[in-house]
Amino acid sequence: MISDATVVITGGAGFIGSSLAARLAPHNRVVLYDNMHRDAVAGTGLLDHPNVTLVRGDVLDAAALAPVVREADVVVHMASIAGVDTVMRNPILTMRVALLGTVNALEAAFDGQRCSRFVDFSTSEVFGRFAYKVTEGDATSLGAVGEARWTYAVSKLATEHLALSYHKQHDLPTVSIRPFNIYGPNQVGEGAVHHFITRALRGDTLFIHGDGSQIRSWCYIDDIIDGVVSAIEREDAIGHAFNIGNPRSTLTIYNLARQIAQLVGSKSALEFQPMDRADVDLRIPNIDKAARLLDYRPRVDLAEGLTRTIAWYRDHM
């Protein structure tokens, strides 16, 4: 396990960022750089940890970001506009945060001359509407120009090219992570698992966009943190992009809603709503590359992960 390092996590107060910070904090100095738009860290006790520091700031503010990142041994760049609905309402901001924010972070890491690993967070959205056991080398699909649904995917694919270019041209040790549908305790904001669990616990109707036949692979938070830590530690990871997900935990959105209602013990009704935007019909990763280079193997199956997540929401709602 990485130790005695200064790790800067942009977007570090979010769901995945705060979970990574909790894993690293016992043996490292962790700086969370975040504008606190989505706050998953409040109430966790993480900010009371002596090795954790919160810096409020925006990645678009290069002057504020640079001195923080220059002091980092490891940078994990997660800051972005998240959630399909939020992205569609703010396509320009989505692209500005991804493109300019990532340039600001990369420039500061390169300028600091001490960064031993820069982990860029991309997205499985880069594979478009149909992605069956896709590998990192498969062609990406970005959808129609002008369709707001794909602005996030376009901007994130660009950040992967940026990160890889800084590695090739400046020898900055960069890695890109493509997460596939992460869920778990402490998740905030949009997302099917969050929506279904919180409403099922209240006995409210579970709303399903479209006919519910969309297929997803769901990855528990602990498993993606394992993958990110390996990407930080392993030299073989440098210069690569990795799918991080759990192809064994694959099912339709309709069956996800049913399974959550059953695990909660809820009598919530399921209601289908018209799909008013482009959507992903199929998304299942191939994780062979991560298994080979990162020794990544997801350990938490869907039933166990949902049970843990439901228990957390019962305690915190």
Protein backbone atom coordinates (compact mmCIF):
# COMPACT_ATOMS: atom_id res chain seq x y z
CA MET A 1 0.00 0.00 0.00
CA ILE A 2 1.24 3.48 -0.87
CA SER A 3 2.51 5.31 2.23
CA ASP A 4 4.06 8.61 3.35
CA ALA A 5 2.91 10.40 0.19
CA THR A 6 1.05 13.65 -0.35
CA VAL A 7 -2.05 12.78 -2.38
CA VAL A 8 -4.19 15.53 -3.89
CA ILE A 9 -7.69 14.47 -4.95
CA THR A 10 -9.59 17.01 -7.03
CA GLY A 11 -13.30 16.50 -6.54
CA GLY A 12 -12.18 14.81 -3.35
CA ALA A 13 -15.31 15.62 -1.34
CA GLY A 14 -17.45 13.57 -3.73
CA PHE A 15 -18.56 9.97 -3.41
CA ILE A 16 -15.56 8.21 -4.96
CA GLY A 17 -13.04 10.84 -3.87
CA SER A 18 -13.98 10.70 -0.20
CA SER A 19 -13.97 6.89 -0.30
CA LEU A 20 -10.46 6.92 -1.76
CA ALA A 21 -9.35 9.46 0.85
CA ALA A 22 -10.62 7.21 3.65
CA ARG A 23 -8.55 4.32 2.25
CA LEU A 24 -5.35 6.39 1.90
CA ALA A 25 -5.52 8.64 4.96
CA PRO A 26 -4.10 6.24 7.57
CA HIS A 27 -0.68 6.18 5.87
CA ASN A 28 -0.58 9.32 3.69
CA ARG A 29 -1.28 13.04 3.70
CA VAL A 30 -4.49 13.57 1.72
CA VAL A 31 -5.63 16.93 0.37
CA LEU A 32 -9.21 17.20 -0.90
CA TYR A 33 -9.58 20.00 -3.44
CA ASP A 34 -13.27 20.64 -4.07
CA ASN A 35 -15.81 23.42 -4.61
CA MET A 36 -18.23 21.44 -2.39
CA HIS A 37 -21.01 21.40 -4.98
CA ARG A 38 -21.59 17.75 -4.08
CA ASP A 39 -20.62 16.99 -0.52
CA ALA A 40 -20.25 13.33 0.42
CA VAL A 41 -17.62 14.00 3.07
CA ALA A 42 -19.79 15.83 5.62
CA GLY A 43 -20.75 13.59 8.50
CA THR A 44 -18.15 10.95 7.69
CA GLY A 45 -15.64 12.18 10.24
CA LEU A 46 -12.98 12.14 7.52
CA LEU A 47 -12.26 15.86 7.87
CA ASP A 48 -11.36 15.25 11.53
CA HIS A 49 -8.56 12.89 10.50
CA PRO A 50 -5.16 14.48 11.19
CA ASN A 51 -3.87 13.47 7.75
CA VAL A 52 -6.78 14.98 5.78
CA THR A 53 -7.02 18.60 4.64
CA LEU A 54 -9.88 20.21 2.72
CA VAL A 55 -9.09 23.04 0.31
CA ARG A 56 -12.16 24.76 -1.11
CA GLY A 57 -11.51 25.68 -4.70
CA ASP A 58 -12.49 25.28 -8.34
CA VAL A 59 -10.32 23.46 -10.89
CA LEU A 60 -11.14 26.27 -13.35
CA ASP A 61 -9.19 28.60 -11.05
CA ALA A 62 -5.65 27.76 -12.16
CA ALA A 63 -4.07 30.21 -9.72
CA ALA A 64 -5.75 28.51 -6.76
CA LEU A 65 -5.25 24.96 -7.98
CA ALA A 66 -1.59 25.17 -9.01
CA PRO A 67 0.08 25.63 -5.60
CA VAL A 68 -1.91 22.70 -4.19
CA VAL A 69 -1.10 20.30 -7.03
CA ARG A 70 2.58 21.31 -7.25
CA GLU A 71 3.14 19.85 -3.77
CA ALA A 72 1.57 16.49 -4.62
CA ASP A 73 3.40 13.19 -4.99
CA VAL A 74 0.18 11.73 -6.42
CA VAL A 75 -2.71 13.54 -8.13
CA VAL A 76 -6.08 11.84 -8.59
CA HIS A 77 -8.11 14.14 -10.82
CA MET A 78 -11.82 13.45 -10.32
CA ALA A 79 -13.34 16.93 -10.49
CA SER A 80 -16.14 17.07 -13.06
CA ILE A 81 -19.79 17.89 -13.61
CA ALA A 82 -21.56 14.65 -12.70
CA GLY A 83 -24.97 13.16 -13.42
CA VAL A 84 -26.76 12.94 -16.77
CA ASP A 85 -29.46 15.47 -15.85
CA THR A 86 -26.90 17.98 -14.58
CA VAL A 87 -24.74 17.53 -17.66
CA MET A 88 -27.67 18.10 -19.98
CA ARG A 89 -28.60 21.31 -18.19
CA ASN A 90 -25.00 22.56 -18.22
CA PRO A 91 -23.22 21.27 -21.34
CA ILE A 92 -20.84 24.25 -21.65
CA LEU A 93 -19.79 24.11 -18.00
CA THR A 94 -19.39 20.34 -18.31
CA MET A 95 -16.87 20.75 -21.10
CA ARG A 96 -15.09 23.70 -19.50
CA VAL A 97 -14.55 21.84 -16.23
CA ALA A 98 -13.32 18.72 -18.01
CA LEU A 99 -11.09 20.36 -20.60
CA LEU A 100 -9.76 23.46 -18.84
CA GLY A 101 -9.78 21.87 -15.38
CA THR A 102 -7.74 18.92 -16.59
CA VAL A 103 -5.25 21.16 -18.41
CA ASN A 104 -4.85 23.19 -15.22
CA ALA A 105 -4.24 20.07 -13.14
CA LEU A 106 -1.80 18.52 -15.63
CA GLU A 107 0.15 21.75 -16.03
CA ALA A 108 0.50 22.15 -12.27
CA ALA A 109 1.57 18.52 -11.81
CA PHE A 110 4.18 18.84 -14.54
CA ASP A 111 5.38 22.19 -13.20
CA GLY A 112 5.77 20.79 -9.68
CA GLN A 113 8.25 18.16 -10.91
CA ARG A 114 7.48 15.78 -8.05
CA CYS A 115 4.33 13.99 -9.26
CA SER A 116 4.98 10.24 -9.41
CA ARG A 117 1.46 9.41 -10.64
CA PHE A 118 -1.37 11.42 -12.21
CA VAL A 119 -4.64 9.47 -12.33
CA ASP A 120 -7.22 10.98 -14.68
CA PHE A 121 -10.82 9.92 -14.13
CA SER A 122 -12.61 9.33 -17.42
CA THR A 123 -15.92 7.49 -17.89
CA SER A 124 -17.45 4.39 -19.43
CA GLU A 125 -19.67 6.83 -21.39
CA VAL A 126 -16.89 7.03 -23.99
CA PHE A 127 -18.16 3.71 -25.40
CA GLY A 128 -21.51 5.20 -26.40
CA ARG A 129 -24.90 3.49 -26.48
CA PHE A 130 -23.81 -0.12 -27.09
CA ALA A 131 -20.84 -1.51 -25.20
CA TYR A 132 -20.68 -5.29 -24.81
CA LYS A 133 -17.54 -6.54 -23.04
CA VAL A 134 -15.64 -3.57 -24.45
CA THR A 135 -11.87 -3.44 -24.08
CA GLU A 136 -9.75 -0.33 -23.67
CA GLY A 137 -8.59 -0.72 -27.26
CA ASP A 138 -12.07 -0.83 -28.77
CA ALA A 139 -13.28 2.15 -30.77
CA THR A 140 -15.09 4.81 -28.77
CA SER A 141 -18.49 6.13 -29.88
CA LEU A 142 -19.42 9.70 -29.10
CA GLY A 143 -22.96 10.05 -30.45
CA ALA A 144 -24.43 12.82 -32.55
CA VAL A 145 -22.87 16.26 -32.40
CA GLY A 146 -25.20 18.64 -30.58
CA GLU A 147 -26.82 15.91 -28.47
CA ALA A 148 -26.25 17.15 -24.91
CA ARG A 149 -26.28 13.58 -23.59
CA TRP A 150 -22.80 13.03 -25.05
CA THR A 151 -21.02 16.24 -24.04
CA TYR A 152 -19.68 14.53 -20.91
CA ALA A 153 -18.33 11.58 -22.92
CA VAL A 154 -16.69 13.86 -25.50
CA SER A 155 -15.02 15.97 -22.82
CA LYS A 156 -13.79 12.94 -20.87
CA LEU A 157 -12.33 11.27 -23.94
CA ALA A 158 -10.48 14.51 -24.56
CA THR A 159 -9.03 14.42 -21.03
CA GLU A 160 -7.73 10.91 -21.70
CA HIS A 161 -5.93 12.20 -24.79
CA LEU A 162 -4.59 15.12 -22.76
CA ALA A 163 -3.28 12.87 -19.99
CA LEU A 164 -1.68 10.45 -22.44
CA SER A 165 -0.13 13.34 -24.38
CA TYR A 166 1.48 14.71 -21.22
CA HIS A 167 2.96 11.27 -20.67
CA LYS A 168 4.26 10.93 -24.22
CA GLN A 169 5.54 14.48 -24.63
CA HIS A 170 6.60 15.37 -21.08
CA ASP A 171 7.08 11.93 -19.49
CA LEU A 172 4.48 12.74 -16.83
CA PRO A 173 3.40 9.37 -15.35
CA THR A 174 -0.31 9.46 -16.21
CA VAL A 175 -3.06 6.83 -16.02
CA SER A 176 -6.73 7.00 -17.02
CA ILE A 177 -9.57 5.17 -15.25
CA ARG A 178 -12.90 4.39 -16.93
CA PRO A 179 -15.37 3.57 -14.13
CA PHE A 180 -18.48 1.51 -14.91
CA ASN A 181 -21.56 2.38 -12.81
CA ILE A 182 -20.17 2.76 -9.31
CA TYR A 183 -22.48 2.52 -6.29
CA GLY A 184 -22.27 2.08 -2.55
CA PRO A 185 -22.62 3.74 0.85
CA ASN A 186 -22.36 7.52 1.00
CA GLN A 187 -23.32 8.08 -2.63
CA VAL A 188 -24.86 11.49 -3.23
CA GLY A 189 -26.67 13.07 -6.16
CA GLU A 190 -28.12 11.29 -9.17
CA GLY A 191 -27.91 7.60 -9.98
CA ALA A 192 -30.24 4.64 -10.27
CA VAL A 193 -29.11 2.80 -7.13
CA HIS A 194 -29.36 5.97 -5.02
CA HIS A 195 -32.82 6.74 -6.44
CA PHE A 196 -34.21 3.24 -6.03
CA ILE A 197 -32.90 2.69 -2.49
CA THR A 198 -33.93 6.03 -1.02
CA ARG A 199 -37.43 5.82 -2.51
CA ALA A 200 -37.88 2.14 -1.64
CA LEU A 201 -37.00 2.83 2.00
CA ARG A 202 -39.74 5.48 2.08
CA GLY A 203 -42.20 3.27 0.25
CA ASP A 204 -42.36 5.72 -2.66
CA THR A 205 -42.82 4.81 -6.30
CA LEU A 206 -39.64 3.79 -8.15
CA PHE A 207 -39.46 5.62 -11.47
CA ILE A 208 -37.83 3.83 -14.40
CA HIS A 209 -36.86 5.75 -17.54
CA GLY A 210 -37.96 3.99 -20.70
CA ASP A 211 -38.96 0.32 -20.57
CA GLY A 212 -36.23 -0.69 -18.11
CA SER A 213 -34.48 -3.00 -20.56
CA GLN A 214 -31.23 -0.99 -20.43
CA ILE A 215 -28.39 -3.24 -19.25
CA ARG A 216 -25.66 -2.14 -16.85
CA SER A 217 -22.79 -3.71 -14.92
CA TRP A 218 -22.65 -2.38 -11.35
CA CYS A 219 -19.40 -1.99 -9.43
CA TYR A 220 -19.26 -1.61 -5.64
CA ILE A 221 -17.27 1.33 -4.30
CA ASP A 222 -14.64 -0.80 -2.51
CA ASP A 223 -13.78 -2.52 -5.78
CA ILE A 224 -13.08 0.64 -7.74
CA ILE A 225 -10.96 1.96 -4.86
CA ASP A 226 -8.89 -1.23 -5.12
CA GLY A 227 -8.38 -0.50 -8.81
CA VAL A 228 -7.39 3.13 -8.28
CA VAL A 229 -4.89 2.24 -5.55
CA SER A 230 -3.30 -0.35 -7.84
CA ALA A 231 -3.12 2.23 -10.64
CA ILE A 232 -1.24 4.52 -8.25
CA GLU A 233 1.16 1.86 -7.05
CA ARG A 234 2.03 -0.19 -10.14
CA GLU A 235 4.62 1.04 -12.63
CA ASP A 236 3.06 -1.04 -15.41
CA ALA A 237 -0.05 1.15 -15.19
CA ILE A 238 1.68 4.27 -16.53
CA GLY A 239 0.53 5.38 -19.96
CA HIS A 240 -2.58 3.21 -19.98
CA ALA A 241 -6.36 3.52 -19.66
CA PHE A 242 -8.25 0.92 -17.62
CA ASN A 243 -11.85 -0.26 -17.47
CA ILE A 244 -12.78 -0.63 -13.81
CA GLY A 245 -16.09 -2.38 -13.20
CA ASN A 246 -17.71 -5.70 -12.38
CA PRO A 247 -19.08 -7.54 -15.42
CA ARG A 248 -20.48 -10.29 -13.16
CA SER A 249 -22.93 -7.82 -11.61
CA THR A 250 -24.92 -7.21 -14.77
CA LEU A 251 -28.70 -6.84 -15.10
CA THR A 252 -31.43 -4.62 -16.54
CA ILE A 253 -32.54 -1.41 -14.85
CA TYR A 254 -35.97 -2.98 -14.33
CA ASN A 255 -34.49 -5.97 -12.51
CA LEU A 256 -32.24 -3.68 -10.49
CA ALA A 257 -35.32 -1.81 -9.23
CA ARG A 258 -37.08 -5.10 -8.42
CA GLN A 259 -34.06 -6.53 -6.59
CA ILE A 260 -33.63 -3.39 -4.49
CA ALA A 261 -37.32 -3.34 -3.57
CA GLN A 262 -37.09 -7.00 -2.52
CA LEU A 263 -33.93 -6.48 -0.45
CA VAL A 264 -35.48 -3.44 1.25
CA GLY A 265 -38.70 -5.33 1.86
CA SER A 266 -40.59 -2.49 0.20
CA LYS A 267 -43.97 -2.55 -1.51
CA SER A 268 -43.02 0.41 -3.68
CA ALA A 269 -44.69 0.42 -7.07
CA LEU A 270 -42.61 0.55 -10.24
CA GLU A 271 -43.60 3.20 -12.76
CA PHE A 272 -42.21 3.60 -16.27
CA GLN A 273 -41.59 7.10 -17.58
CA PRO A 274 -40.98 8.16 -21.17
CA MET A 275 -37.32 8.48 -22.08
CA ASP A 276 -36.82 12.09 -23.14
CA ARG A 277 -33.13 11.85 -24.06
CA ALA A 278 -30.55 9.56 -25.65
CA ASP A 279 -29.58 6.70 -23.37
CA VAL A 280 -27.10 3.87 -23.05
CA ASP A 281 -28.77 0.57 -23.96
CA LEU A 282 -25.92 -1.81 -23.09
CA ARG A 283 -22.75 -1.28 -21.06
CA ILE A 284 -20.60 -4.20 -19.91
CA PRO A 285 -16.82 -3.91 -19.50
CA ASN A 286 -14.03 -6.27 -20.33
CA ILE A 287 -11.58 -5.97 -17.41
CA ASP A 288 -8.87 -8.36 -18.61
CA LYS A 289 -6.32 -5.56 -18.99
CA ALA A 290 -6.91 -4.33 -15.44
CA ALA A 291 -6.64 -7.90 -14.18
CA ARG A 292 -3.34 -8.38 -16.00
CA LEU A 293 -1.60 -5.07 -15.22
CA LEU A 294 -3.30 -4.04 -11.96
CA ASP A 295 -4.16 -7.46 -10.54
CA TYR A 296 -7.69 -6.04 -10.36
CA ARG A 297 -10.46 -8.48 -9.46
CA PRO A 298 -13.81 -7.18 -8.18
CA ARG A 299 -14.74 -9.02 -4.99
CA VAL A 300 -18.20 -7.74 -4.04
CA ASP A 301 -21.14 -9.23 -5.93
CA LEU A 302 -24.31 -7.25 -6.53
CA ALA A 303 -26.50 -8.77 -3.81
CA GLU A 304 -23.84 -8.23 -1.15
CA GLY A 305 -23.07 -4.71 -2.35
CA LEU A 306 -26.72 -3.70 -2.43
CA THR A 307 -27.28 -5.18 1.03
CA ARG A 308 -24.38 -3.15 2.44
CA THR A 309 -25.60 -0.02 0.67
CA ILE A 310 -29.19 -0.40 1.85
CA ALA A 311 -27.98 -0.87 5.43
CA TRP A 312 -26.01 2.37 5.19
CA TYR A 313 -29.02 4.31 3.87
CA ARG A 314 -31.23 2.89 6.63
CA ASP A 315 -28.82 4.33 9.18
CA HIS A 316 -28.33 7.70 7.51
CA MET A 317 -31.63 8.72 5.93
